Every structure is written in C-alpha cells, then in structure tokens.
Amino acid sequence: MGLTIKEKLRIANMGGQFQESGPGSWVGTKIRKETKLGVVTADMNGEYRTLTVTFEDGTEEKIEMNNIGPDPEYIHVFEWLSKDRWIKF
C-alpha cells in the first residue's frame, strides 16, 4: 500500500521526497530533449518534483520541476509526449 496524502504532505513539509506512484506518476512518460528520446524511470515528489529520465543511449538526466508555477531552467529544453503531441515543460 502506498503513502497516504497526509504522509506525503508531512514528508514534503519536512523537505523530503517520496516516490510518486499511481495515476499522478510520470513514470513511463516519454520524454524528448532535442533529438534524444527517453522515458521517465523515477518520479520523486516533495517540495520539488525530480524526474529521472533514461534515454535510449543509456544516459540519464534529472528534471527538477517546481510544484507551483513553471521552472524556466527546463521549460524550453525538455518535452513530454501527451497522446500524439509533444508538449514543452
């Protein structure tokens, strides 16, 4: 059984992170960085959300997102696949 919302909030409020699961998880989402294709292999949530992306060439990169509002460092570099359309972060 996963963490309750109350447990997740307690962890986030203490500055920690937890592995996101369920329908809100990014795990399995296809990610593109220019011509490199990859998939989200870990989704750590908390005050910030950190996605680990593993690309087809075996390299990994982390995307750190603000949970409230855009993060200008990443919004123009990575895209994610939603149905059949690539969307910039």
N, C-alpha and C. Protein backbone atom coordinates (compact mmCIF):
# COMPACT_ATOMS: atom_id res chain seq x y z
N MET A 1 0.84 -1.18 0.00
CA MET A 1 0.00 0.00 0.00
C MET A 1 0.89 1.24 0.00
N GLY A 2 0.50 2.26 -0.75
CA GLY A 2 1.29 3.48 -0.85
C GLY A 2 1.04 4.42 0.31
N LEU A 3 1.74 5.55 0.26
CA LEU A 3 1.60 6.56 1.30
C LEU A 3 0.27 7.28 1.18
N THR A 4 -0.28 7.69 2.31
CA THR A 4 -1.49 8.49 2.30
C THR A 4 -1.12 9.93 1.93
N ILE A 5 -2.11 10.72 1.58
CA ILE A 5 -1.86 12.13 1.27
C ILE A 5 -1.28 12.84 2.48
N LYS A 6 -1.76 12.51 3.66
CA LYS A 6 -1.25 13.12 4.89
C LYS A 6 0.23 12.80 5.08
N GLU A 7 0.62 11.54 4.83
CA GLU A 7 2.03 11.15 4.95
C GLU A 7 2.89 11.85 3.90
N LYS A 8 2.38 11.97 2.68
CA LYS A 8 3.12 12.67 1.61
C LYS A 8 3.33 14.14 1.98
N LEU A 9 2.29 14.79 2.49
CA LEU A 9 2.41 16.20 2.90
C LEU A 9 3.41 16.38 4.03
N ARG A 10 3.41 15.46 4.98
CA ARG A 10 4.36 15.53 6.10
C ARG A 10 5.79 15.43 5.58
N ILE A 11 6.04 14.50 4.67
CA ILE A 11 7.38 14.33 4.09
C ILE A 11 7.79 15.59 3.32
N ALA A 12 6.89 16.09 2.47
CA ALA A 12 7.19 17.29 1.69
C ALA A 12 7.43 18.51 2.58
N ASN A 13 6.62 18.67 3.62
CA ASN A 13 6.77 19.80 4.54
C ASN A 13 8.07 19.76 5.32
N MET A 14 8.65 18.56 5.46
CA MET A 14 9.93 18.42 6.15
C MET A 14 11.10 18.53 5.17
N GLY A 15 10.81 18.83 3.89
CA GLY A 15 11.87 18.99 2.89
C GLY A 15 12.29 17.69 2.23
N GLY A 16 11.58 16.61 2.49
CA GLY A 16 11.93 15.31 1.91
C GLY A 16 11.22 15.04 0.60
N GLN A 17 11.51 13.89 0.03
CA GLN A 17 10.86 13.46 -1.20
C GLN A 17 10.38 12.02 -1.04
N PHE A 18 9.39 11.65 -1.84
CA PHE A 18 8.86 10.30 -1.85
C PHE A 18 8.64 9.88 -3.30
N GLN A 19 8.69 8.57 -3.55
CA GLN A 19 8.46 8.05 -4.89
C GLN A 19 6.97 8.17 -5.20
N GLU A 20 6.64 8.94 -6.22
CA GLU A 20 5.25 9.12 -6.63
C GLU A 20 4.78 7.88 -7.36
N SER A 21 3.57 7.48 -7.09
CA SER A 21 3.01 6.30 -7.76
C SER A 21 1.54 6.57 -8.08
N GLY A 22 0.94 5.67 -8.78
CA GLY A 22 -0.47 5.82 -9.10
C GLY A 22 -0.69 6.69 -10.32
N PRO A 23 -1.92 7.17 -10.50
CA PRO A 23 -2.26 7.91 -11.72
C PRO A 23 -1.53 9.24 -11.87
N GLY A 24 -1.01 9.80 -10.79
CA GLY A 24 -0.28 11.07 -10.87
C GLY A 24 1.19 10.93 -11.19
N SER A 25 1.67 9.72 -11.32
CA SER A 25 3.09 9.48 -11.55
C SER A 25 3.48 9.74 -13.01
N TRP A 26 4.69 10.26 -13.18
CA TRP A 26 5.24 10.48 -14.52
C TRP A 26 5.98 9.24 -15.04
N VAL A 27 6.20 8.22 -14.21
CA VAL A 27 6.95 7.04 -14.62
C VAL A 27 6.31 6.43 -15.86
N GLY A 28 7.15 6.18 -16.86
CA GLY A 28 6.68 5.62 -18.13
C GLY A 28 6.39 6.67 -19.19
N THR A 29 6.36 7.95 -18.80
CA THR A 29 6.09 9.01 -19.77
C THR A 29 7.29 9.19 -20.69
N LYS A 30 7.02 9.31 -22.00
CA LYS A 30 8.10 9.53 -22.97
C LYS A 30 8.54 10.98 -22.91
N ILE A 31 9.86 11.17 -22.94
CA ILE A 31 10.47 12.49 -22.85
C ILE A 31 11.41 12.68 -24.03
N ARG A 32 11.48 13.90 -24.52
CA ARG A 32 12.38 14.22 -25.63
C ARG A 32 13.21 15.44 -25.25
N LYS A 33 14.50 15.36 -25.56
CA LYS A 33 15.41 16.51 -25.41
C LYS A 33 16.12 16.64 -26.74
N GLU A 34 15.68 17.63 -27.51
CA GLU A 34 16.14 17.81 -28.90
C GLU A 34 15.86 16.52 -29.66
N THR A 35 16.88 15.76 -30.09
CA THR A 35 16.62 14.54 -30.84
C THR A 35 16.73 13.28 -29.98
N LYS A 36 17.09 13.43 -28.71
CA LYS A 36 17.22 12.29 -27.80
C LYS A 36 15.86 11.90 -27.25
N LEU A 37 15.56 10.60 -27.30
CA LEU A 37 14.31 10.09 -26.77
C LEU A 37 14.57 9.29 -25.51
N GLY A 38 13.68 9.42 -24.55
CA GLY A 38 13.83 8.68 -23.31
C GLY A 38 12.49 8.45 -22.65
N VAL A 39 12.55 7.92 -21.44
CA VAL A 39 11.35 7.63 -20.66
C VAL A 39 11.65 7.93 -19.19
N VAL A 40 10.64 8.40 -18.47
CA VAL A 40 10.78 8.66 -17.04
C VAL A 40 10.85 7.32 -16.31
N THR A 41 11.94 7.13 -15.55
CA THR A 41 12.13 5.88 -14.81
C THR A 41 11.96 6.06 -13.30
N ALA A 42 11.96 7.30 -12.81
CA ALA A 42 11.71 7.57 -11.40
C ALA A 42 11.05 8.94 -11.27
N ASP A 43 10.12 9.04 -10.34
CA ASP A 43 9.37 10.27 -10.10
C ASP A 43 9.37 10.53 -8.59
N MET A 44 10.30 11.38 -8.15
CA MET A 44 10.41 11.72 -6.74
C MET A 44 9.69 13.05 -6.52
N ASN A 45 8.74 13.05 -5.58
CA ASN A 45 7.94 14.23 -5.34
C ASN A 45 8.21 14.77 -3.94
N GLY A 46 7.91 16.02 -3.75
CA GLY A 46 8.10 16.68 -2.47
C GLY A 46 7.92 18.17 -2.68
N GLU A 47 8.78 18.98 -2.05
CA GLU A 47 8.72 20.43 -2.30
C GLU A 47 8.96 20.70 -3.78
N TYR A 48 9.89 19.96 -4.37
CA TYR A 48 10.14 19.98 -5.81
C TYR A 48 9.90 18.57 -6.33
N ARG A 49 9.65 18.46 -7.62
CA ARG A 49 9.47 17.15 -8.25
C ARG A 49 10.68 16.89 -9.10
N THR A 50 11.32 15.73 -8.90
CA THR A 50 12.51 15.37 -9.65
C THR A 50 12.22 14.12 -10.46
N LEU A 51 12.26 14.27 -11.79
CA LEU A 51 12.05 13.15 -12.69
C LEU A 51 13.40 12.65 -13.18
N THR A 52 13.63 11.34 -13.14
CA THR A 52 14.82 10.75 -13.72
C THR A 52 14.43 10.21 -15.08
N VAL A 53 15.12 10.69 -16.12
CA VAL A 53 14.84 10.27 -17.48
C VAL A 53 16.01 9.42 -17.97
N THR A 54 15.71 8.22 -18.46
CA THR A 54 16.72 7.34 -19.05
C THR A 54 16.51 7.37 -20.56
N PHE A 55 17.57 7.78 -21.27
CA PHE A 55 17.49 7.90 -22.72
C PHE A 55 17.90 6.60 -23.39
N GLU A 56 17.55 6.48 -24.67
CA GLU A 56 17.83 5.26 -25.44
C GLU A 56 19.31 4.92 -25.49
N ASP A 57 20.18 5.93 -25.39
CA ASP A 57 21.62 5.67 -25.44
C ASP A 57 22.19 5.27 -24.06
N GLY A 58 21.30 5.13 -23.05
CA GLY A 58 21.72 4.68 -21.73
C GLY A 58 22.05 5.82 -20.77
N THR A 59 22.10 7.04 -21.23
CA THR A 59 22.38 8.17 -20.34
C THR A 59 21.14 8.53 -19.54
N GLU A 60 21.37 9.15 -18.39
CA GLU A 60 20.27 9.60 -17.54
C GLU A 60 20.42 11.09 -17.27
N GLU A 61 19.28 11.75 -17.16
CA GLU A 61 19.25 13.16 -16.75
C GLU A 61 18.11 13.34 -15.78
N LYS A 62 18.25 14.34 -14.93
CA LYS A 62 17.18 14.65 -13.98
C LYS A 62 16.54 15.97 -14.38
N ILE A 63 15.23 16.00 -14.25
CA ILE A 63 14.46 17.22 -14.50
C ILE A 63 13.86 17.61 -13.15
N GLU A 64 14.21 18.79 -12.66
CA GLU A 64 13.64 19.27 -11.41
C GLU A 64 12.58 20.30 -11.74
N MET A 65 11.37 20.05 -11.25
CA MET A 65 10.24 20.92 -11.54
C MET A 65 9.71 21.54 -10.26
N ASN A 66 9.29 22.79 -10.35
CA ASN A 66 8.57 23.41 -9.26
C ASN A 66 7.18 22.79 -9.22
N ASN A 67 6.66 22.54 -8.06
CA ASN A 67 5.29 22.04 -7.96
C ASN A 67 4.27 23.16 -8.12
N ILE A 68 4.73 24.39 -7.97
CA ILE A 68 3.85 25.54 -8.17
C ILE A 68 4.53 26.48 -9.16
N GLY A 69 3.96 26.60 -10.34
CA GLY A 69 4.48 27.51 -11.35
C GLY A 69 5.60 26.89 -12.19
N PRO A 70 5.92 27.53 -13.30
CA PRO A 70 6.93 26.99 -14.22
C PRO A 70 8.35 27.14 -13.69
N ASP A 71 9.22 26.29 -14.15
CA ASP A 71 10.64 26.35 -13.82
C ASP A 71 11.38 26.72 -15.11
N PRO A 72 11.78 27.98 -15.27
CA PRO A 72 12.31 28.45 -16.55
C PRO A 72 13.58 27.73 -16.99
N GLU A 73 14.29 27.05 -16.08
CA GLU A 73 15.52 26.37 -16.47
C GLU A 73 15.24 25.18 -17.39
N TYR A 74 14.08 24.56 -17.28
CA TYR A 74 13.78 23.35 -18.02
C TYR A 74 12.69 23.50 -19.07
N ILE A 75 11.87 24.51 -19.00
CA ILE A 75 10.67 24.54 -19.83
C ILE A 75 10.94 24.58 -21.33
N HIS A 76 12.10 25.02 -21.74
CA HIS A 76 12.37 25.07 -23.19
C HIS A 76 13.33 23.99 -23.64
N VAL A 77 13.76 23.11 -22.75
CA VAL A 77 14.75 22.09 -23.09
C VAL A 77 14.11 20.72 -23.29
N PHE A 78 13.18 20.35 -22.42
CA PHE A 78 12.55 19.03 -22.47
C PHE A 78 11.10 19.14 -22.94
N GLU A 79 10.65 18.06 -23.58
CA GLU A 79 9.25 17.94 -23.98
C GLU A 79 8.74 16.58 -23.53
N TRP A 80 7.45 16.46 -23.29
CA TRP A 80 6.85 15.18 -22.93
C TRP A 80 5.74 14.86 -23.90
N LEU A 81 5.52 13.57 -24.12
CA LEU A 81 4.54 13.12 -25.09
C LEU A 81 3.19 12.92 -24.42
N SER A 82 2.20 13.65 -24.90
CA SER A 82 0.82 13.53 -24.42
C SER A 82 -0.02 13.07 -25.59
N LYS A 83 -0.45 11.81 -25.52
CA LYS A 83 -1.18 11.18 -26.62
C LYS A 83 -0.27 11.18 -27.85
N ASP A 84 -0.51 12.04 -28.82
CA ASP A 84 0.33 12.05 -30.02
C ASP A 84 1.00 13.41 -30.23
N ARG A 85 1.10 14.21 -29.17
CA ARG A 85 1.63 15.57 -29.30
C ARG A 85 2.73 15.83 -28.27
N TRP A 86 3.84 16.42 -28.71
CA TRP A 86 4.94 16.78 -27.81
C TRP A 86 4.64 18.14 -27.19
N ILE A 87 4.76 18.23 -25.86
CA ILE A 87 4.46 19.46 -25.12
C ILE A 87 5.70 19.87 -24.34
N LYS A 88 6.09 21.14 -24.46
CA LYS A 88 7.23 21.66 -23.69
C LYS A 88 6.85 21.80 -22.23
N PHE A 89 7.81 21.49 -21.35
CA PHE A 89 7.59 21.67 -19.92
C PHE A 89 7.36 23.13 -19.62
